[in-house]
N, C-alpha and C. Protein backbone atom coordinates (compact mmCIF):
# COMPACT_ATOMS: atom_id res chain seq x y z
N UNK A 1 -2.99 17.78 -7.10
CA UNK A 1 -4.23 17.41 -6.76
C UNK A 1 -5.57 18.17 -5.63
N UNK A 2 -6.71 18.39 -6.22
CA UNK A 2 -7.77 19.14 -5.54
C UNK A 2 -7.31 18.53 -4.68
N UNK A 3 -7.60 19.27 -3.48
CA UNK A 3 -7.98 19.11 -1.92
C UNK A 3 -9.52 18.40 -1.68
N UNK A 4 -10.29 19.42 -2.15
CA UNK A 4 -11.64 18.46 -1.71
C UNK A 4 -11.79 17.40 -2.37
N UNK A 5 -11.15 16.90 -3.58
CA UNK A 5 -11.61 15.51 -4.18
C UNK A 5 -10.64 14.70 -2.90
N UNK A 6 -9.50 15.03 -2.57
CA UNK A 6 -8.62 13.96 -1.82
C UNK A 6 -9.37 13.91 -0.30
N UNK A 7 -9.98 14.73 -0.52
CA UNK A 7 -10.71 14.63 0.75
C UNK A 7 -12.13 14.30 0.80
N UNK A 8 -12.65 13.95 0.14
CA UNK A 8 -13.85 13.19 -0.20
C UNK A 8 -13.17 11.50 -0.45
N UNK A 9 -12.54 11.35 -1.37
CA UNK A 9 -12.27 9.93 -1.88
C UNK A 9 -12.04 9.12 -0.27
N UNK A 10 -10.67 10.14 0.38
CA UNK A 10 -10.92 9.97 2.17
C UNK A 10 -12.48 9.36 3.32
N UNK A 11 -12.70 10.04 2.54
CA UNK A 11 -14.06 10.08 3.06
C UNK A 11 -14.59 9.29 3.07
N UNK A 12 -15.09 9.07 1.92
CA UNK A 12 -15.88 7.41 1.28
C UNK A 12 -14.83 6.21 1.28
N UNK A 13 -13.40 6.05 1.62
CA UNK A 13 -12.85 4.96 1.77
C UNK A 13 -13.07 4.63 3.48
N UNK A 14 -13.35 5.77 4.29
CA UNK A 14 -13.97 5.32 5.56
C UNK A 14 -15.18 5.08 5.50
N UNK A 15 -16.03 4.92 4.99
CA UNK A 15 -17.59 4.83 4.91
C UNK A 15 -17.61 2.81 4.39
N UNK A 16 -16.70 2.99 3.91
CA UNK A 16 -16.90 1.68 3.13
C UNK A 16 -15.49 0.53 4.04
N UNK A 17 -14.56 1.31 5.00
CA UNK A 17 -14.36 1.06 5.66
C UNK A 17 -15.11 -0.16 6.92
N UNK A 18 -16.11 0.73 6.94
CA UNK A 18 -17.29 0.75 8.11
C UNK A 18 -18.06 -0.44 7.97
N UNK A 19 -18.26 -0.22 6.25
CA UNK A 19 -19.73 -1.59 6.19
C UNK A 19 -19.10 -2.31 5.24
N UNK A 20 -17.96 -2.57 5.02
CA UNK A 20 -17.84 -4.09 4.60
C UNK A 20 -16.99 -5.16 4.99
N UNK A 21 -16.84 -6.31 4.33
CA UNK A 21 -16.43 -7.02 5.13
C UNK A 21 -15.18 -7.97 4.59
N UNK A 22 -14.29 -8.87 5.12
CA UNK A 22 -13.04 -9.17 4.40
C UNK A 22 -13.79 -10.16 3.10
N UNK A 23 -13.09 -10.01 1.67
CA UNK A 23 -13.88 -10.85 0.96
C UNK A 23 -14.84 -10.30 -0.11
N UNK A 24 -15.20 -9.55 0.46
CA UNK A 24 -16.30 -9.15 -0.66
C UNK A 24 -15.49 -8.80 -1.85
N UNK A 25 -16.50 -8.67 -2.87
CA UNK A 25 -15.76 -9.02 -4.20
C UNK A 25 -16.02 -7.39 -4.77
N UNK A 26 -17.16 -6.96 -3.85
CA UNK A 26 -18.07 -6.01 -4.73
C UNK A 26 -17.00 -4.81 -4.37
N UNK A 27 -16.35 -4.65 -2.90
CA UNK A 27 -15.67 -3.71 -3.04
C UNK A 27 -14.84 -3.59 -2.41
N UNK A 28 -14.29 -4.75 -3.51
CA UNK A 28 -12.10 -4.77 -3.23
C UNK A 28 -11.28 -5.27 -2.03
N UNK A 29 -12.72 -6.08 -1.06
CA UNK A 29 -11.91 -6.54 0.01
C UNK A 29 -11.48 -7.81 -0.23
N UNK A 30 -11.79 -8.25 -1.56
CA UNK A 30 -10.81 -9.73 -1.99
C UNK A 30 -9.56 -9.23 -2.41
N UNK A 31 -9.18 -8.25 -2.74
CA UNK A 31 -7.98 -8.12 -3.73
C UNK A 31 -8.11 -7.02 -4.59
N UNK A 32 -9.38 -7.02 -5.03
CA UNK A 32 -9.73 -6.13 -6.11
C UNK A 32 -9.48 -4.92 -6.26
N UNK A 33 -8.37 -4.28 -6.31
CA UNK A 33 -8.34 -2.84 -7.02
C UNK A 33 -8.98 -2.17 -7.76
N UNK A 34 -9.75 -2.93 -8.60
CA UNK A 34 -10.44 -2.21 -9.57
C UNK A 34 -12.01 -2.29 -9.11
N UNK A 35 -12.45 -3.46 -8.17
CA UNK A 35 -13.43 -3.43 -7.73
C UNK A 35 -13.67 -2.01 -6.18
N UNK A 36 -12.50 -2.02 -5.74
CA UNK A 36 -12.43 -0.86 -4.56
C UNK A 36 -12.82 0.43 -5.49
N UNK A 37 -12.14 0.75 -6.14
CA UNK A 37 -12.72 1.77 -7.16
C UNK A 37 -13.65 2.23 -7.51
N UNK A 38 -14.20 0.84 -7.79
CA UNK A 38 -16.14 1.35 -8.44
C UNK A 38 -16.32 1.35 -7.11
N UNK A 39 -16.35 0.60 -6.48
CA UNK A 39 -16.88 1.31 -5.10
C UNK A 39 -16.67 2.32 -4.38
N UNK A 40 -15.87 3.08 -4.58
CA UNK A 40 -15.24 4.22 -4.20
C UNK A 40 -15.94 5.35 -5.06
N UNK A 41 -16.78 4.79 -6.09
CA UNK A 41 -17.52 5.74 -7.02
C UNK A 41 -16.57 7.04 -7.32
N UNK A 42 -15.79 6.71 -7.67
CA UNK A 42 -14.41 7.55 -8.18
C UNK A 42 -14.64 8.56 -9.13
N UNK A 43 -15.40 7.86 -10.40
CA UNK A 43 -15.86 8.84 -11.29
C UNK A 43 -17.62 8.49 -11.84
N UNK A 44 -18.35 8.22 -10.78
CA UNK A 44 -19.48 7.52 -10.82
C UNK A 44 -19.61 5.94 -10.13
N UNK A 45 -20.66 5.93 -9.56
CA UNK A 45 -20.49 4.51 -9.22
C UNK A 45 -21.56 3.50 -10.30
N UNK A 46 -20.19 2.76 -11.06
CA UNK A 46 -20.27 1.98 -12.45
C UNK A 46 -21.44 0.72 -12.10
N UNK A 47 -22.36 0.30 -11.12
CA UNK A 47 -23.74 -0.71 -11.38
C UNK A 47 -24.33 -0.18 -11.08
N UNK A 48 -25.50 -0.79 -11.53
CA UNK A 48 -27.22 -0.55 -11.34
C UNK A 48 -27.66 -0.46 -9.83
N UNK A 49 -27.06 -0.99 -8.85
CA UNK A 49 -27.68 -0.91 -7.45
C UNK A 49 -27.03 -0.87 -6.90
N UNK A 50 -26.55 0.62 -6.02
CA UNK A 50 -25.30 0.69 -5.11
C UNK A 50 -25.56 -0.11 -3.89
N UNK A 51 -24.45 -0.28 -3.04
CA UNK A 51 -25.02 -0.55 -1.47
C UNK A 51 -25.86 0.27 -0.33
N UNK A 52 -26.81 -0.40 -0.07
CA UNK A 52 -27.57 0.42 0.69
C UNK A 52 -26.98 1.45 1.70
N UNK A 53 -25.54 1.52 1.63
CA UNK A 53 -24.63 2.36 2.51
C UNK A 53 -24.72 3.60 1.96
N UNK A 54 -24.39 3.31 0.53
CA UNK A 54 -24.10 4.37 -0.28
C UNK A 54 -25.27 5.89 -0.51
N UNK A 55 -24.86 7.01 0.04
CA UNK A 55 -25.89 7.69 -0.65
C UNK A 55 -25.92 8.17 -1.62
N UNK A 56 -27.02 8.99 -1.96
CA UNK A 56 -27.18 9.89 -3.42
C UNK A 56 -25.79 10.71 -3.33
N UNK A 57 -25.24 11.38 -2.30
CA UNK A 57 -23.23 12.07 -2.84
C UNK A 57 -22.34 11.04 -3.02
N UNK A 58 -22.52 9.99 -2.19
CA UNK A 58 -21.47 8.92 -2.89
C UNK A 58 -21.19 8.49 -3.89
N UNK A 59 -22.22 8.18 -4.34
CA UNK A 59 -22.59 7.37 -5.56
C UNK A 59 -21.97 8.95 -6.85
N UNK A 60 -21.92 10.35 -6.73
CA UNK A 60 -21.45 11.06 -7.74
C UNK A 60 -20.08 10.83 -7.59
N UNK A 61 -19.93 11.25 -9.37
CA UNK A 61 -18.46 11.36 -9.41
C UNK A 61 -17.49 12.22 -9.05
N UNK A 62 -16.33 11.96 -8.23
CA UNK A 62 -15.38 12.82 -7.43
C UNK A 62 -14.39 13.51 -8.51
N UNK A 63 -13.45 12.84 -9.48
CA UNK A 63 -12.63 13.24 -10.38
C UNK A 63 -13.60 12.72 -11.67
N UNK A 64 -13.11 14.34 -12.68
CA UNK A 64 -13.40 13.84 -13.97
C UNK A 64 -12.63 12.75 -14.29
N UNK A 65 -12.98 12.67 -16.17
CA UNK A 65 -12.57 11.48 -16.88
C UNK A 65 -10.72 11.59 -16.75
N UNK A 66 -11.19 12.97 -17.30
CA UNK A 66 -9.38 13.56 -17.65
C UNK A 66 -8.55 13.24 -16.42
N UNK A 67 -9.00 13.60 -15.38
CA UNK A 67 -8.76 13.27 -14.38
C UNK A 67 -8.13 12.00 -13.35
N UNK A 68 -8.91 11.10 -13.76
CA UNK A 68 -9.07 9.48 -13.34
C UNK A 68 -7.26 9.26 -14.93
N UNK A 69 -7.90 9.62 -15.14
CA UNK A 69 -7.41 8.62 -16.60
C UNK A 69 -5.76 9.11 -16.82
N UNK A 70 -5.16 10.09 -15.83
CA UNK A 70 -3.86 10.95 -15.59
C UNK A 70 -3.44 10.11 -14.82
N UNK A 71 -2.59 9.93 -14.57
CA UNK A 71 -2.07 9.19 -12.90
C UNK A 71 -1.76 10.44 -11.78
N UNK A 72 -2.07 11.37 -11.87
CA UNK A 72 -2.14 12.28 -10.33
C UNK A 72 -2.61 12.02 -8.82
N UNK A 73 -3.71 11.16 -9.27
CA UNK A 73 -4.38 10.15 -8.36
C UNK A 73 -3.85 9.38 -7.63
N UNK A 74 -3.32 8.46 -8.19
CA UNK A 74 -2.87 6.78 -8.47
C UNK A 74 -2.33 6.81 -7.57
N UNK A 75 -1.33 7.22 -6.54
CA UNK A 75 -0.71 7.06 -5.65
C UNK A 75 -1.35 7.27 -4.64
N UNK A 76 -2.26 7.81 -4.42
CA UNK A 76 -3.41 8.72 -3.53
C UNK A 76 -4.27 7.25 -3.21
N UNK A 77 -4.85 7.02 -4.22
CA UNK A 77 -6.20 5.65 -4.61
C UNK A 77 -5.52 4.42 -3.68
N UNK A 78 -4.00 4.30 -4.54
CA UNK A 78 -3.40 3.38 -3.68
C UNK A 78 -3.38 2.98 -3.09
N UNK A 79 -2.97 3.85 -1.68
CA UNK A 79 -2.52 4.41 -0.65
C UNK A 79 -3.88 3.63 0.15
N UNK A 80 -4.86 4.92 -0.10
CA UNK A 80 -6.03 4.06 0.03
C UNK A 80 -6.82 2.16 0.35
N UNK A 81 -6.51 1.74 -0.93
CA UNK A 81 -6.97 0.82 -1.55
C UNK A 81 -6.14 -0.31 0.04
N UNK A 82 -5.03 0.22 -0.18
CA UNK A 82 -4.18 -1.31 0.77
C UNK A 82 -4.30 -0.93 2.03
N UNK A 83 -5.01 0.47 2.66
CA UNK A 83 -5.54 1.10 3.97
C UNK A 83 -6.63 0.06 4.22
N UNK A 84 -7.36 0.47 3.27
CA UNK A 84 -8.31 -0.19 3.66
C UNK A 84 -8.47 -2.30 3.53
N UNK A 85 -8.59 -1.92 2.83
CA UNK A 85 -7.31 -3.33 2.50
C UNK A 85 -6.94 -4.30 4.04
N UNK A 86 -5.91 -4.10 4.26
CA UNK A 86 -5.75 -4.40 5.66
C UNK A 86 -6.29 -4.37 6.94
N UNK A 87 -6.84 -2.59 7.02
CA UNK A 87 -7.87 -2.91 7.91
C UNK A 87 -9.05 -3.73 8.21
N UNK A 88 -9.78 -3.65 7.30
CA UNK A 88 -10.98 -4.44 7.02
C UNK A 88 -10.41 -6.05 7.46
N UNK A 89 -9.21 -6.65 6.47
CA UNK A 89 -9.18 -7.84 6.86
C UNK A 89 -8.12 -7.70 8.27
N UNK A 90 -7.50 -7.52 8.72
CA UNK A 90 -7.23 -7.51 10.01
C UNK A 90 -7.75 -7.53 11.44
N UNK A 91 -9.08 -6.59 10.84
CA UNK A 91 -9.31 -6.38 11.89
C UNK A 91 -10.32 -7.25 12.53
N UNK A 92 -10.74 -8.20 11.32
CA UNK A 92 -11.51 -10.16 11.42
C UNK A 92 -10.21 -10.48 11.87
N UNK A 93 -9.35 -11.19 11.39
CA UNK A 93 -8.23 -11.58 12.03
C UNK A 93 -8.07 -12.08 13.38
N UNK A 94 -8.40 -10.24 13.73
CA UNK A 94 -7.85 -10.05 15.46
C UNK A 94 -9.50 -10.56 16.21
N UNK A 95 -10.92 -10.35 15.58
CA UNK A 95 -11.57 -10.17 16.43
C UNK A 95 -12.68 -9.21 17.28
N UNK A 96 -11.87 -8.19 16.09
CA UNK A 96 -12.51 -7.07 16.28
C UNK A 96 -13.65 -6.33 15.53
């Protein structure tokens, strides 16, 4: 894995955590890993209009299509998804 890619994906995950709410379908906080990966813009943001909190650099691809299609980053992205989903949903349940 490229260190700059994992660092950027982690940064984007932190931005997403700060700007999303539980159950948000568009960011994957409803439990959709596919929507989460789209919200991270792993290979670029796939939808017409990005969220307001996504700047120009955020929506650019981090991985090449070849990297994305391989399984090299799967475990890392899975761990980001679990971390984000747990953190966003736990904070609301705890009233934070």
